[in-house]
Amino acid sequence: MNTDFNSTDDNSAFLTEDGKEATIDLGSLFSNVFSNISPLYRSEASPTQIMTATRYGKRFILKGLKKEFVDDPIFRLALAKEFEIGFSLEHPSIRRTLSLEKVEGLGDAIVLEYIDGSTLSSLIKEGKLTVEQGREICRDIAAGVNYLHGKQILHRDLKPSNILITHKGGGVKIIDFNLSDSDSFIILKNPAGSGKYIAPELLTPNAKATPESDIYSLGVMAREIAEVTSDPQLREAAIVCTDDDPGNRAEGLRMLKENRLPSPAVKAMDRILSSSRLTAVLITLCGVLAAFIAYHYATV
């Protein structure tokens, strides 16, 4: 029997079980044209639409403008800005931006890595996160945010729906740089964000987004995770991240990124040592000791 699969035989063919020749169409597999384009997310308030598509046998995300905005120069520039910011990022906690291409039926579209996962918002609602999972998620988000700030980029819309948690491995992916900003752009400089995740200082007149406003948003997410997981140490880090004084928030980011969350024993000891009652006791003991020493030398 000939088992040489490198040999060629003009009379050979793949057969189905009923003996008929089987046709294998590899054309779409090797085509660089996107197929199976399907809507994934569409918001009435947003000028963009998000689709899933396949190419080379892989799934991708396509983000383009709705038909009514596709020729608007401002929105086209905003899409180009989002692509340029995303394309400059390479971090395990940030979804990869792959290219900006003209796609039939969509026009210009950002091609994004497809992530098989769930949003952090859905995991918080389910309430099934463990303490270790919650801390790991916060640590990975903090690492991604720290990376962004190191490149002088602000996300400006950090919230649980913009955080994906992969189904395999539980990895974090920060997504949606639609409102992100860097010093190289002059558009979309007004304060941005979503609801309770907006830093309070951004609600004042002439406010300007800063790294500390991103940290505040991260702190609100950490607080929500702490509530679900009943993690008092994570809650303490969240309090630092959401401090009213923006200058104090960087320490909260470091606490999350480096997982420097004190253990319950350390926290309890810290409370004891910093209590006013203990201070009073120590002062009294020092006074008694000083009186005893004075009395001793006076009677010698």
Protein backbone atom coordinates (compact mmCIF):
# COMPACT_ATOMS: atom_id res chain seq x y z
CA MET A 1 0.00 0.00 0.00
CA ASN A 2 1.37 3.40 -0.97
CA THR A 3 1.60 5.68 2.10
CA ASP A 4 3.75 8.41 0.52
CA PHE A 5 1.65 11.54 0.98
CA ASN A 6 4.23 13.61 -0.94
CA SER A 7 3.58 11.69 -4.16
CA THR A 8 1.19 13.06 -6.76
CA ASP A 9 -1.44 11.10 -8.64
CA ASP A 10 -3.70 12.82 -11.12
CA ASN A 11 -6.34 10.15 -10.49
CA SER A 12 -6.40 10.55 -6.69
CA ALA A 13 -9.16 12.39 -4.80
CA PHE A 14 -10.59 12.70 -1.31
CA LEU A 15 -13.74 10.60 -1.02
CA THR A 16 -16.76 10.84 1.25
CA GLU A 17 -18.22 7.82 3.01
CA ASP A 18 -20.58 7.16 0.09
CA GLY A 19 -17.63 7.05 -2.32
CA LYS A 20 -18.26 10.43 -3.97
CA GLU A 21 -15.49 12.99 -4.40
CA ALA A 22 -15.33 15.58 -1.61
CA THR A 23 -14.73 19.23 -2.48
CA ILE A 24 -12.48 21.17 -0.11
CA ASP A 25 -12.79 24.95 -0.51
CA LEU A 26 -9.71 26.63 0.95
CA GLY A 27 -10.26 29.91 -0.87
CA SER A 28 -11.86 31.78 2.05
CA LEU A 29 -9.28 30.42 4.49
CA PHE A 30 -6.40 32.07 2.64
CA SER A 31 -8.27 35.23 1.61
CA ASN A 32 -7.37 38.55 3.23
CA VAL A 33 -11.00 39.69 2.86
CA PHE A 34 -13.12 39.77 6.02
CA SER A 35 -16.15 37.49 5.97
CA ASN A 36 -18.99 36.60 8.36
CA ILE A 37 -19.24 40.24 9.43
CA SER A 38 -21.86 40.43 12.19
CA PRO A 39 -22.97 43.18 14.61
CA LEU A 40 -21.60 42.79 18.14
CA TYR A 41 -22.37 46.09 19.86
CA ARG A 42 -24.17 49.26 18.85
CA SER A 43 -25.10 52.24 21.01
CA GLU A 44 -27.49 54.95 19.94
CA ALA A 45 -25.30 57.55 21.66
CA SER A 46 -22.08 56.48 19.94
CA PRO A 47 -21.00 57.31 16.35
CA THR A 48 -19.22 53.94 16.12
CA GLN A 49 -20.37 50.37 15.62
CA ILE A 50 -18.56 47.18 16.60
CA MET A 51 -18.64 43.99 14.54
CA THR A 52 -17.13 40.53 14.64
CA ALA A 53 -15.55 39.08 11.49
CA THR A 54 -13.34 36.24 10.35
CA ARG A 55 -10.19 36.19 8.24
CA TYR A 56 -7.58 33.48 7.76
CA GLY A 57 -9.75 31.23 9.90
CA LYS A 58 -9.51 33.59 12.91
CA ARG A 59 -12.02 35.91 14.58
CA PHE A 60 -11.43 39.65 14.83
CA ILE A 61 -13.23 42.75 16.08
CA LEU A 62 -13.94 45.55 13.61
CA LYS A 63 -14.72 49.03 14.89
CA GLY A 64 -15.96 51.58 12.37
CA LEU A 65 -18.28 54.55 12.01
CA LYS A 66 -22.01 54.27 11.48
CA LYS A 67 -23.17 55.17 7.96
CA GLU A 68 -24.43 58.59 9.04
CA PHE A 69 -20.99 59.52 10.41
CA VAL A 70 -18.69 57.81 7.92
CA ASP A 71 -17.98 61.04 5.99
CA ASP A 72 -17.79 63.38 8.99
CA PRO A 73 -14.19 64.70 9.23
CA ILE A 74 -14.31 65.09 13.04
CA PHE A 75 -15.42 61.52 13.66
CA ARG A 76 -12.99 60.20 11.05
CA LEU A 77 -10.19 62.01 12.86
CA ALA A 78 -11.38 60.62 16.20
CA LEU A 79 -11.33 57.09 14.75
CA ALA A 80 -7.79 57.65 13.44
CA LYS A 81 -6.76 58.98 16.87
CA GLU A 82 -8.17 55.90 18.60
CA PHE A 83 -6.28 53.66 16.18
CA GLU A 84 -2.98 55.51 16.60
CA ILE A 85 -3.18 55.38 20.41
CA GLY A 86 -4.18 51.71 20.45
CA PHE A 87 -1.57 50.70 17.87
CA SER A 88 1.20 52.21 20.02
CA LEU A 89 0.34 49.96 22.97
CA GLU A 90 1.84 46.53 23.64
CA HIS A 91 0.97 45.17 27.07
CA PRO A 92 -0.52 41.86 28.26
CA SER A 93 -3.34 43.69 30.07
CA ILE A 94 -4.41 45.74 27.03
CA ARG A 95 -6.26 44.48 23.96
CA ARG A 96 -4.08 44.64 20.86
CA THR A 97 -4.92 47.04 18.04
CA LEU A 98 -3.82 45.37 14.80
CA SER A 99 -4.50 47.70 11.87
CA LEU A 100 -6.71 50.35 10.27
CA GLU A 101 -8.25 49.09 7.03
CA LYS A 102 -10.95 49.91 4.54
CA VAL A 103 -13.58 47.20 4.86
CA GLU A 104 -16.31 46.75 2.28
CA GLY A 105 -19.64 47.88 3.71
CA LEU A 106 -18.01 49.55 6.73
CA GLY A 107 -15.47 51.98 5.33
CA ASP A 108 -12.43 52.66 7.50
CA ALA A 109 -12.36 50.24 10.44
CA ILE A 110 -9.98 49.50 13.30
CA VAL A 111 -9.04 45.81 13.39
CA LEU A 112 -8.80 44.59 16.99
CA GLU A 113 -7.80 41.39 18.72
CA TYR A 114 -10.79 39.18 19.50
CA ILE A 115 -11.01 38.33 23.20
CA ASP A 116 -12.95 35.28 24.34
CA GLY A 117 -14.09 36.50 27.72
CA SER A 118 -16.62 38.32 29.88
CA THR A 119 -16.79 41.91 31.04
CA LEU A 120 -15.79 42.70 34.59
CA SER A 121 -19.24 44.26 35.06
CA SER A 122 -20.94 40.90 34.41
CA LEU A 123 -18.59 39.12 36.85
CA ILE A 124 -19.30 41.71 39.54
CA LYS A 125 -23.06 41.30 39.02
CA GLU A 126 -22.74 37.52 39.30
CA GLY A 127 -20.88 37.97 42.59
CA LYS A 128 -18.77 34.84 42.13
CA LEU A 129 -15.28 36.36 42.38
CA THR A 130 -12.93 35.03 45.04
CA VAL A 131 -10.56 37.21 47.07
CA GLU A 132 -7.57 35.97 45.07
CA GLN A 133 -9.33 36.54 41.73
CA GLY A 134 -10.37 40.04 42.77
CA ARG A 135 -6.84 40.97 43.80
CA GLU A 136 -5.34 39.50 40.63
CA ILE A 137 -7.79 41.41 38.44
CA CYS A 138 -7.01 44.69 40.24
CA ARG A 139 -3.28 44.01 40.02
CA ASP A 140 -3.47 43.42 36.24
CA ILE A 141 -5.63 46.50 35.63
CA ALA A 142 -3.24 48.60 37.72
CA ALA A 143 -0.27 47.29 35.72
CA GLY A 144 -2.01 48.24 32.45
CA VAL A 145 -2.95 51.70 33.74
CA ASN A 146 0.59 52.28 35.00
CA TYR A 147 1.90 51.31 31.53
CA LEU A 148 -0.50 53.77 29.84
CA HIS A 149 0.57 56.60 32.09
CA GLY A 150 4.22 55.79 31.43
CA LYS A 151 3.49 56.46 27.75
CA GLN A 152 1.70 59.74 28.61
CA ILE A 153 -1.66 58.27 27.65
CA LEU A 154 -4.88 58.63 29.65
CA HIS A 155 -7.69 56.13 29.19
CA ARG A 156 -10.39 58.50 30.51
CA ASP A 157 -13.17 55.89 30.56
CA LEU A 158 -12.09 53.11 32.91
CA LYS A 159 -15.11 51.14 34.10
CA PRO A 160 -16.06 47.45 34.49
CA SER A 161 -17.67 47.26 31.04
CA ASN A 162 -14.33 48.30 29.49
CA ILE A 163 -12.45 45.48 31.23
CA LEU A 164 -12.55 41.99 29.71
CA ILE A 165 -11.60 38.89 31.70
CA THR A 166 -10.52 36.01 29.47
CA HIS A 167 -12.31 32.69 29.87
CA LYS A 168 -9.02 30.82 29.74
CA GLY A 169 -6.59 31.87 32.44
CA GLY A 170 -8.64 34.79 33.77
CA GLY A 171 -6.35 37.39 32.19
CA VAL A 172 -7.30 41.07 32.08
CA LYS A 173 -7.71 43.10 28.88
CA ILE A 174 -8.39 46.85 29.01
CA ILE A 175 -10.44 47.85 25.97
CA ASP A 176 -12.06 50.86 24.28
CA PHE A 177 -9.70 53.78 23.74
CA ASN A 178 -12.41 55.89 22.12
CA LEU A 179 -12.08 58.65 24.74
CA SER A 180 -8.38 58.19 25.40
CA ASP A 181 -5.99 61.08 25.05
CA SER A 182 -2.31 61.89 24.71
CA ASP A 183 -0.35 65.10 24.38
CA SER A 184 0.09 64.61 20.62
CA PHE A 185 -3.62 65.16 19.87
CA ILE A 186 -5.64 68.34 20.00
CA ILE A 187 -9.16 66.88 19.76
CA LEU A 188 -11.41 65.58 22.57
CA LYS A 189 -9.69 67.52 25.33
CA ASN A 190 -12.88 68.01 27.35
CA PRO A 191 -13.35 65.91 30.51
CA ALA A 192 -14.78 62.46 29.81
CA GLY A 193 -15.88 59.38 31.68
CA SER A 194 -18.92 57.44 32.83
CA GLY A 195 -21.15 58.11 35.84
CA LYS A 196 -19.72 57.23 39.25
CA TYR A 197 -16.32 56.37 37.77
CA ILE A 198 -15.56 60.02 36.95
CA ALA A 199 -13.13 61.66 39.37
CA PRO A 200 -14.91 64.48 41.28
CA GLU A 201 -12.37 67.11 40.26
CA LEU A 202 -13.36 66.58 36.61
CA LEU A 203 -16.84 67.91 37.40
CA THR A 204 -15.47 71.38 38.14
CA PRO A 205 -15.23 74.15 35.49
CA ASN A 206 -12.15 74.08 33.23
CA ALA A 207 -11.14 70.68 34.63
CA LYS A 208 -8.40 68.70 32.89
CA ALA A 209 -7.99 64.94 32.95
CA THR A 210 -4.86 63.65 34.69
CA PRO A 211 -3.35 60.26 35.55
CA GLU A 212 -4.92 60.69 38.99
CA SER A 213 -8.41 60.80 37.46
CA ASP A 214 -7.75 57.39 35.86
CA ILE A 215 -6.57 56.08 39.24
CA TYR A 216 -9.82 57.29 40.80
CA SER A 217 -11.81 55.24 38.27
CA LEU A 218 -9.64 52.22 39.05
CA GLY A 219 -10.30 52.77 42.76
CA VAL A 220 -14.07 52.71 42.25
CA MET A 221 -13.75 49.39 40.42
CA ALA A 222 -11.52 48.03 43.19
CA ARG A 223 -14.12 49.09 45.74
CA GLU A 224 -16.86 47.24 43.85
CA ILE A 225 -14.71 44.10 43.68
CA ALA A 226 -13.91 44.42 47.40
CA GLU A 227 -17.62 44.56 48.20
CA VAL A 228 -18.28 41.39 46.20
CA THR A 229 -15.32 39.49 47.66
CA SER A 230 -15.57 40.94 51.20
CA ASP A 231 -11.89 41.84 51.04
CA PRO A 232 -11.11 44.58 53.63
CA GLN A 233 -7.53 45.00 52.43
CA LEU A 234 -8.61 45.62 48.83
CA ARG A 235 -11.14 48.10 50.19
CA GLU A 236 -8.33 49.96 51.95
CA ALA A 237 -6.41 50.25 48.67
CA ALA A 238 -9.58 51.49 46.96
CA ILE A 239 -9.95 54.21 49.59
CA VAL A 240 -6.42 55.46 48.83
CA CYS A 241 -7.11 55.40 45.06
CA THR A 242 -10.26 57.50 45.52
CA ASP A 243 -8.81 59.99 47.99
CA ASP A 244 -10.27 63.49 47.63
CA ASP A 245 -6.71 64.77 47.26
CA PRO A 246 -5.52 63.53 43.81
CA GLY A 247 -1.92 63.76 45.01
CA ASN A 248 -2.47 60.84 47.40
CA ARG A 249 -3.84 58.42 44.81
CA ALA A 250 -0.57 57.24 43.25
CA GLU A 251 0.17 55.23 46.40
CA GLY A 252 -3.10 53.36 45.90
CA LEU A 253 -2.06 52.46 42.35
CA ARG A 254 1.25 51.12 43.69
CA MET A 255 -0.57 49.11 46.36
CA LEU A 256 -2.69 47.39 43.72
CA LYS A 257 0.05 46.96 41.11
CA GLU A 258 2.55 45.48 43.57
CA ASN A 259 -0.14 43.62 45.53
CA ARG A 260 1.00 45.42 48.69
CA LEU A 261 -2.22 44.77 50.55
CA PRO A 262 -1.55 44.31 54.29
CA SER A 263 -2.67 41.10 55.96
CA PRO A 264 -5.44 41.28 58.60
CA ALA A 265 -2.88 40.74 61.41
CA VAL A 266 -0.66 43.56 60.15
CA LYS A 267 -3.68 45.81 59.72
CA ALA A 268 -4.92 45.08 63.25
CA MET A 269 -1.49 45.78 64.72
CA ASP A 270 -1.28 49.01 62.76
CA ARG A 271 -4.64 50.12 64.18
CA ILE A 272 -3.50 49.27 67.71
CA LEU A 273 -0.20 51.11 67.37
CA SER A 274 -1.87 54.17 65.88
CA SER A 275 -4.74 54.35 68.40
CA SER A 276 -4.99 57.32 70.76
CA ARG A 277 -5.74 54.97 73.69
CA LEU A 278 -2.41 53.18 73.26
CA THR A 279 -0.65 56.54 73.04
CA ALA A 280 -2.20 57.59 76.36
CA VAL A 281 -1.18 54.30 77.99
CA LEU A 282 2.42 54.66 76.78
CA ILE A 283 2.62 58.25 78.03
CA THR A 284 1.31 57.15 81.43
CA LEU A 285 3.84 54.28 81.62
CA CYS A 286 6.67 56.63 80.70
CA GLY A 287 5.53 59.03 83.40
CA VAL A 288 5.38 56.27 86.02
CA LEU A 289 8.82 55.00 84.99
CA ALA A 290 10.31 58.49 85.18
CA ALA A 291 8.81 59.03 88.64
CA PHE A 292 10.17 55.67 89.84
CA ILE A 293 13.68 56.49 88.60
CA ALA A 294 13.55 59.93 90.24
CA TYR A 295 12.38 58.45 93.52
CA HIS A 296 15.09 55.76 93.40
CA TYR A 297 17.93 58.26 92.97
CA ALA A 298 16.45 60.54 95.61
CA THR A 299 16.50 57.81 98.26
CA VAL A 300 19.99 56.44 97.47
